[in-house]
């Protein structure tokens, strides 16, 4: 799995500028990729341990597997909230939408 954490953080920080269905679609795609990576790391660890690999050489793989598992839990929670529409979303969901949109327009110039 080719993950780009820095790019994802930027995209996530700007995702509020997209409509809810578009964000949900993008996050589902990311979830699929994360799940594949998680399964790969988990199965790799299981296989390495069965073959007797020393724990000290597996710590980075173990860390990555745990981080992927945690991100999947967080992503599932976010998707649940977005799909249930439990909070406002999108560029027009801000309290002062006109001011926000004007600031966005100015920033783009």
N, C-alpha and C. Protein backbone atom coordinates (compact mmCIF):
# COMPACT_ATOMS: atom_id res chain seq x y z
N UNK A 1 0.84 -1.17 0.00
CA UNK A 1 0.00 0.00 0.00
C UNK A 1 0.89 1.24 0.00
N UNK A 2 0.64 2.14 -0.90
CA UNK A 2 1.44 3.37 -0.93
C UNK A 2 0.64 4.49 -0.25
N UNK A 3 0.92 4.67 1.01
CA UNK A 3 0.22 5.68 1.79
C UNK A 3 1.04 6.97 1.78
N UNK A 4 0.35 8.07 1.72
CA UNK A 4 1.00 9.38 1.76
C UNK A 4 0.38 10.18 2.89
N UNK A 5 0.86 9.98 4.12
CA UNK A 5 0.23 10.63 5.27
C UNK A 5 0.17 12.14 5.19
N UNK A 6 1.24 12.79 4.73
CA UNK A 6 1.24 14.26 4.66
C UNK A 6 0.18 14.76 3.70
N UNK A 7 0.08 14.14 2.54
CA UNK A 7 -0.92 14.55 1.56
C UNK A 7 -2.34 14.29 2.09
N UNK A 8 -2.51 13.16 2.79
CA UNK A 8 -3.83 12.87 3.34
C UNK A 8 -4.23 13.90 4.38
N UNK A 9 -3.30 14.31 5.24
CA UNK A 9 -3.62 15.32 6.26
C UNK A 9 -4.05 16.63 5.61
N UNK A 10 -3.38 17.02 4.55
CA UNK A 10 -3.76 18.25 3.84
C UNK A 10 -5.14 18.09 3.21
N UNK A 11 -5.36 16.96 2.54
CA UNK A 11 -6.66 16.72 1.91
C UNK A 11 -7.77 16.69 2.95
N UNK A 12 -7.50 16.07 4.09
CA UNK A 12 -8.51 16.01 5.15
C UNK A 12 -8.81 17.40 5.70
N UNK A 13 -7.78 18.21 5.86
CA UNK A 13 -7.96 19.57 6.37
C UNK A 13 -8.79 20.42 5.42
N UNK A 14 -8.76 20.11 4.14
CA UNK A 14 -9.52 20.88 3.15
C UNK A 14 -10.81 20.18 2.71
N UNK A 15 -11.07 19.01 3.23
CA UNK A 15 -12.24 18.23 2.79
C UNK A 15 -13.55 18.94 3.06
N UNK A 16 -13.57 19.85 4.03
CA UNK A 16 -14.82 20.57 4.32
C UNK A 16 -15.27 21.44 3.15
N UNK A 17 -14.40 21.63 2.17
CA UNK A 17 -14.75 22.40 0.98
C UNK A 17 -15.47 21.56 -0.07
N UNK A 18 -15.56 20.27 0.17
CA UNK A 18 -16.24 19.36 -0.76
C UNK A 18 -17.61 19.01 -0.21
N UNK A 19 -18.46 18.57 -1.09
CA UNK A 19 -19.79 18.12 -0.67
C UNK A 19 -19.67 16.77 0.02
N UNK A 20 -20.58 16.52 0.92
CA UNK A 20 -20.57 15.29 1.74
C UNK A 20 -20.43 14.01 0.90
N UNK A 21 -21.23 13.81 -0.17
CA UNK A 21 -21.09 12.55 -0.92
C UNK A 21 -19.69 12.35 -1.52
N UNK A 22 -19.06 13.43 -1.95
CA UNK A 22 -17.72 13.33 -2.51
C UNK A 22 -16.71 12.91 -1.45
N UNK A 23 -16.83 13.48 -0.26
CA UNK A 23 -15.93 13.15 0.84
C UNK A 23 -16.13 11.70 1.25
N UNK A 24 -17.37 11.28 1.36
CA UNK A 24 -17.67 9.89 1.74
C UNK A 24 -17.05 8.93 0.73
N UNK A 25 -17.19 9.24 -0.54
CA UNK A 25 -16.62 8.37 -1.59
C UNK A 25 -15.10 8.29 -1.47
N UNK A 26 -14.46 9.42 -1.29
CA UNK A 26 -12.99 9.44 -1.15
C UNK A 26 -12.54 8.67 0.09
N UNK A 27 -13.26 8.85 1.19
CA UNK A 27 -12.88 8.17 2.42
C UNK A 27 -13.10 6.66 2.33
N UNK A 28 -14.13 6.24 1.61
CA UNK A 28 -14.33 4.80 1.41
C UNK A 28 -13.17 4.21 0.59
N UNK A 29 -12.71 4.95 -0.39
CA UNK A 29 -11.56 4.47 -1.17
C UNK A 29 -10.32 4.36 -0.30
N UNK A 30 -10.11 5.37 0.54
CA UNK A 30 -8.97 5.32 1.46
C UNK A 30 -9.11 4.14 2.42
N UNK A 31 -10.33 3.90 2.90
CA UNK A 31 -10.55 2.81 3.83
C UNK A 31 -10.17 1.47 3.22
N UNK A 32 -10.54 1.28 1.97
CA UNK A 32 -10.20 0.03 1.28
C UNK A 32 -8.68 -0.16 1.23
N UNK A 33 -7.97 0.90 0.88
CA UNK A 33 -6.50 0.82 0.80
C UNK A 33 -5.89 0.56 2.18
N UNK A 34 -6.41 1.25 3.20
CA UNK A 34 -5.90 1.04 4.56
C UNK A 34 -6.16 -0.38 5.03
N UNK A 35 -7.33 -0.89 4.72
CA UNK A 35 -7.66 -2.25 5.14
C UNK A 35 -6.72 -3.26 4.49
N UNK A 36 -6.42 -3.05 3.21
CA UNK A 36 -5.48 -3.95 2.53
C UNK A 36 -4.11 -3.90 3.21
N UNK A 37 -3.66 -2.70 3.55
CA UNK A 37 -2.37 -2.56 4.23
C UNK A 37 -2.38 -3.19 5.61
N UNK A 38 -3.49 -3.03 6.31
CA UNK A 38 -3.61 -3.62 7.64
C UNK A 38 -3.55 -5.14 7.57
N UNK A 39 -4.30 -5.71 6.65
CA UNK A 39 -4.30 -7.17 6.49
C UNK A 39 -2.91 -7.66 6.12
N UNK A 40 -2.24 -6.94 5.22
CA UNK A 40 -0.89 -7.33 4.81
C UNK A 40 0.07 -7.32 6.00
N UNK A 41 0.03 -6.26 6.80
CA UNK A 41 0.91 -6.19 7.97
C UNK A 41 0.55 -7.25 9.01
N UNK A 42 -0.73 -7.40 9.28
CA UNK A 42 -1.15 -8.40 10.28
C UNK A 42 -0.74 -9.80 9.87
N UNK A 43 -1.04 -10.15 8.61
CA UNK A 43 -0.69 -11.49 8.14
C UNK A 43 0.81 -11.69 8.07
N UNK A 44 1.54 -10.64 7.70
CA UNK A 44 3.01 -10.72 7.67
C UNK A 44 3.58 -10.96 9.05
N UNK A 45 3.04 -10.26 10.04
CA UNK A 45 3.49 -10.47 11.42
C UNK A 45 3.21 -11.88 11.90
N UNK A 46 2.01 -12.36 11.63
CA UNK A 46 1.65 -13.72 12.03
C UNK A 46 2.60 -14.72 11.40
N UNK A 47 2.85 -14.55 10.10
CA UNK A 47 3.75 -15.47 9.40
C UNK A 47 5.18 -15.39 9.92
N UNK A 48 5.65 -14.18 10.17
CA UNK A 48 7.02 -14.01 10.67
C UNK A 48 7.17 -14.63 12.05
N UNK A 49 6.18 -14.46 12.89
CA UNK A 49 6.24 -15.04 14.24
C UNK A 49 6.21 -16.57 14.18
N UNK A 50 5.39 -17.10 13.28
CA UNK A 50 5.33 -18.57 13.13
C UNK A 50 6.67 -19.13 12.68
N UNK A 51 7.39 -18.34 11.90
CA UNK A 51 8.71 -18.78 11.42
C UNK A 51 9.80 -18.51 12.44
N UNK A 52 9.42 -17.92 13.58
CA UNK A 52 10.39 -17.70 14.64
C UNK A 52 11.21 -16.43 14.51
N UNK A 53 10.75 -15.47 13.75
CA UNK A 53 11.49 -14.21 13.63
C UNK A 53 11.59 -13.55 15.00
N UNK A 54 12.76 -13.03 15.34
CA UNK A 54 12.92 -12.37 16.64
C UNK A 54 12.03 -11.12 16.74
N UNK A 55 11.43 -10.93 17.89
CA UNK A 55 10.52 -9.79 18.09
C UNK A 55 11.19 -8.45 17.79
N UNK A 56 12.49 -8.33 18.13
CA UNK A 56 13.15 -7.04 17.96
C UNK A 56 13.23 -6.61 16.50
N UNK A 57 13.16 -7.57 15.57
CA UNK A 57 13.19 -7.17 14.16
C UNK A 57 11.79 -6.90 13.61
N UNK A 58 10.79 -7.16 14.43
CA UNK A 58 9.40 -6.98 13.99
C UNK A 58 8.74 -5.73 14.57
N UNK A 59 9.43 -4.98 15.40
CA UNK A 59 8.77 -3.88 16.11
C UNK A 59 8.19 -2.83 15.16
N UNK A 60 8.87 -2.51 14.07
CA UNK A 60 8.33 -1.51 13.15
C UNK A 60 7.09 -2.05 12.43
N UNK A 61 7.11 -3.32 12.05
CA UNK A 61 5.92 -3.91 11.42
C UNK A 61 4.75 -3.94 12.40
N UNK A 62 5.06 -4.24 13.66
CA UNK A 62 4.03 -4.25 14.70
C UNK A 62 3.45 -2.85 14.90
N UNK A 63 4.33 -1.84 14.96
CA UNK A 63 3.87 -0.45 15.12
C UNK A 63 2.96 -0.05 13.96
N UNK A 64 3.37 -0.36 12.75
CA UNK A 64 2.57 0.01 11.58
C UNK A 64 1.22 -0.70 11.59
N UNK A 65 1.19 -1.94 11.98
CA UNK A 65 -0.08 -2.69 12.03
C UNK A 65 -1.03 -2.05 13.04
N UNK A 66 -0.51 -1.66 14.20
CA UNK A 66 -1.33 -1.03 15.24
C UNK A 66 -1.83 0.33 14.76
N UNK A 67 -0.98 1.11 14.10
CA UNK A 67 -1.40 2.42 13.60
C UNK A 67 -2.48 2.29 12.53
N UNK A 68 -2.33 1.31 11.65
CA UNK A 68 -3.36 1.09 10.62
C UNK A 68 -4.69 0.68 11.26
N UNK A 69 -4.63 -0.18 12.26
CA UNK A 69 -5.85 -0.59 12.95
C UNK A 69 -6.54 0.61 13.60
N UNK A 70 -5.75 1.47 14.24
CA UNK A 70 -6.33 2.66 14.89
C UNK A 70 -6.92 3.61 13.85
N UNK A 71 -6.23 3.80 12.74
CA UNK A 71 -6.77 4.70 11.72
C UNK A 71 -8.05 4.15 11.11
N UNK A 72 -8.11 2.84 10.94
CA UNK A 72 -9.35 2.24 10.44
C UNK A 72 -10.52 2.48 11.39
N UNK A 73 -10.27 2.35 12.70
CA UNK A 73 -11.34 2.60 13.68
C UNK A 73 -11.80 4.06 13.60
N UNK A 74 -10.83 4.99 13.53
CA UNK A 74 -11.17 6.40 13.43
C UNK A 74 -11.93 6.69 12.14
N UNK A 75 -11.46 6.13 11.03
CA UNK A 75 -12.10 6.37 9.74
C UNK A 75 -13.51 5.81 9.72
N UNK A 76 -13.71 4.63 10.30
CA UNK A 76 -15.06 4.07 10.39
C UNK A 76 -15.99 4.99 11.18
N UNK A 77 -15.48 5.56 12.26
CA UNK A 77 -16.28 6.48 13.07
C UNK A 77 -16.64 7.73 12.27
N UNK A 78 -15.68 8.29 11.56
CA UNK A 78 -15.95 9.47 10.75
C UNK A 78 -16.95 9.16 9.64
N UNK A 79 -16.78 8.04 8.98
CA UNK A 79 -17.72 7.66 7.93
C UNK A 79 -19.13 7.46 8.48
N UNK A 80 -19.23 6.84 9.65
CA UNK A 80 -20.55 6.67 10.28
C UNK A 80 -21.21 8.03 10.51
N UNK A 81 -20.45 8.99 11.04
CA UNK A 81 -21.00 10.32 11.31
C UNK A 81 -21.36 11.05 10.03
N UNK A 82 -20.51 10.94 9.01
CA UNK A 82 -20.82 11.60 7.74
C UNK A 82 -22.05 10.99 7.08
N UNK A 83 -22.12 9.67 7.08
CA UNK A 83 -23.25 8.99 6.44
C UNK A 83 -24.55 9.20 7.20
N UNK A 84 -24.47 9.34 8.52
CA UNK A 84 -25.67 9.59 9.32
C UNK A 84 -26.05 11.07 9.33
N UNK A 85 -25.16 11.89 8.76
CA UNK A 85 -25.38 13.33 8.71
C UNK A 85 -25.62 13.91 10.11
N UNK A 86 -24.78 13.49 11.05
CA UNK A 86 -24.94 13.97 12.43
C UNK A 86 -24.28 15.32 12.68
N UNK A 87 -23.57 15.84 11.69
CA UNK A 87 -23.02 17.19 11.83
C UNK A 87 -23.01 17.87 10.46
N UNK A 88 -23.10 19.20 10.47
CA UNK A 88 -23.11 19.94 9.20
C UNK A 88 -21.82 19.69 8.42
N UNK A 89 -21.91 19.71 7.10
CA UNK A 89 -20.73 19.47 6.27
C UNK A 89 -20.84 20.27 4.98
N UNK A 90 -19.70 20.64 4.47
CA UNK A 90 -19.61 21.29 3.17
C UNK A 90 -19.37 22.78 3.29
N UNK A 91 -19.05 23.40 2.17
CA UNK A 91 -18.67 24.82 2.19
C UNK A 91 -19.79 25.75 2.63
N UNK A 92 -21.02 25.29 2.58
CA UNK A 92 -22.14 26.16 2.99
C UNK A 92 -22.64 25.82 4.39
N UNK A 93 -21.91 25.00 5.13
CA UNK A 93 -22.36 24.56 6.45
C UNK A 93 -21.84 25.44 7.58
N UNK A 94 -21.04 26.43 7.27
CA UNK A 94 -20.49 27.29 8.31
C UNK A 94 -21.53 28.30 8.78
N UNK A 95 -21.39 28.73 10.04
CA UNK A 95 -22.34 29.69 10.60
C UNK A 95 -22.44 30.95 9.75
N UNK A 96 -21.31 31.46 9.31
CA UNK A 96 -21.29 32.66 8.49
C UNK A 96 -20.78 32.27 7.10
N UNK A 97 -21.63 31.59 6.33
CA UNK A 97 -21.25 31.03 5.04
C UNK A 97 -20.73 32.08 4.08
N UNK A 98 -21.41 33.23 3.98
CA UNK A 98 -20.99 34.26 3.03
C UNK A 98 -19.58 34.76 3.34
N UNK A 99 -19.30 35.00 4.59
CA UNK A 99 -17.96 35.46 4.99
C UNK A 99 -16.92 34.39 4.68
N UNK A 100 -17.23 33.13 5.02
CA UNK A 100 -16.31 32.04 4.76
C UNK A 100 -16.01 31.92 3.27
N UNK A 101 -17.06 31.94 2.45
CA UNK A 101 -16.87 31.80 1.01
C UNK A 101 -16.06 32.97 0.44
N UNK A 102 -16.27 34.16 0.96
CA UNK A 102 -15.49 35.33 0.52
C UNK A 102 -14.02 35.15 0.89
N UNK A 103 -13.75 34.63 2.07
CA UNK A 103 -12.37 34.39 2.50
C UNK A 103 -11.71 33.32 1.61
N UNK A 104 -12.45 32.30 1.29
CA UNK A 104 -11.93 31.24 0.42
C UNK A 104 -11.60 31.79 -0.96
N UNK A 105 -12.51 32.61 -1.47
CA UNK A 105 -12.29 33.20 -2.80
C UNK A 105 -11.05 34.08 -2.78
N UNK A 106 -10.89 34.89 -1.75
CA UNK A 106 -9.72 35.77 -1.64
C UNK A 106 -8.44 34.95 -1.52
N UNK A 107 -8.49 33.86 -0.82
CA UNK A 107 -7.31 33.02 -0.64
C UNK A 107 -6.90 32.34 -1.93
N UNK A 108 -7.84 32.10 -2.81
CA UNK A 108 -7.54 31.43 -4.07
C UNK A 108 -6.93 32.35 -5.11
N UNK A 109 -7.00 33.66 -4.86
CA UNK A 109 -6.47 34.61 -5.84
C UNK A 109 -5.02 34.91 -5.61
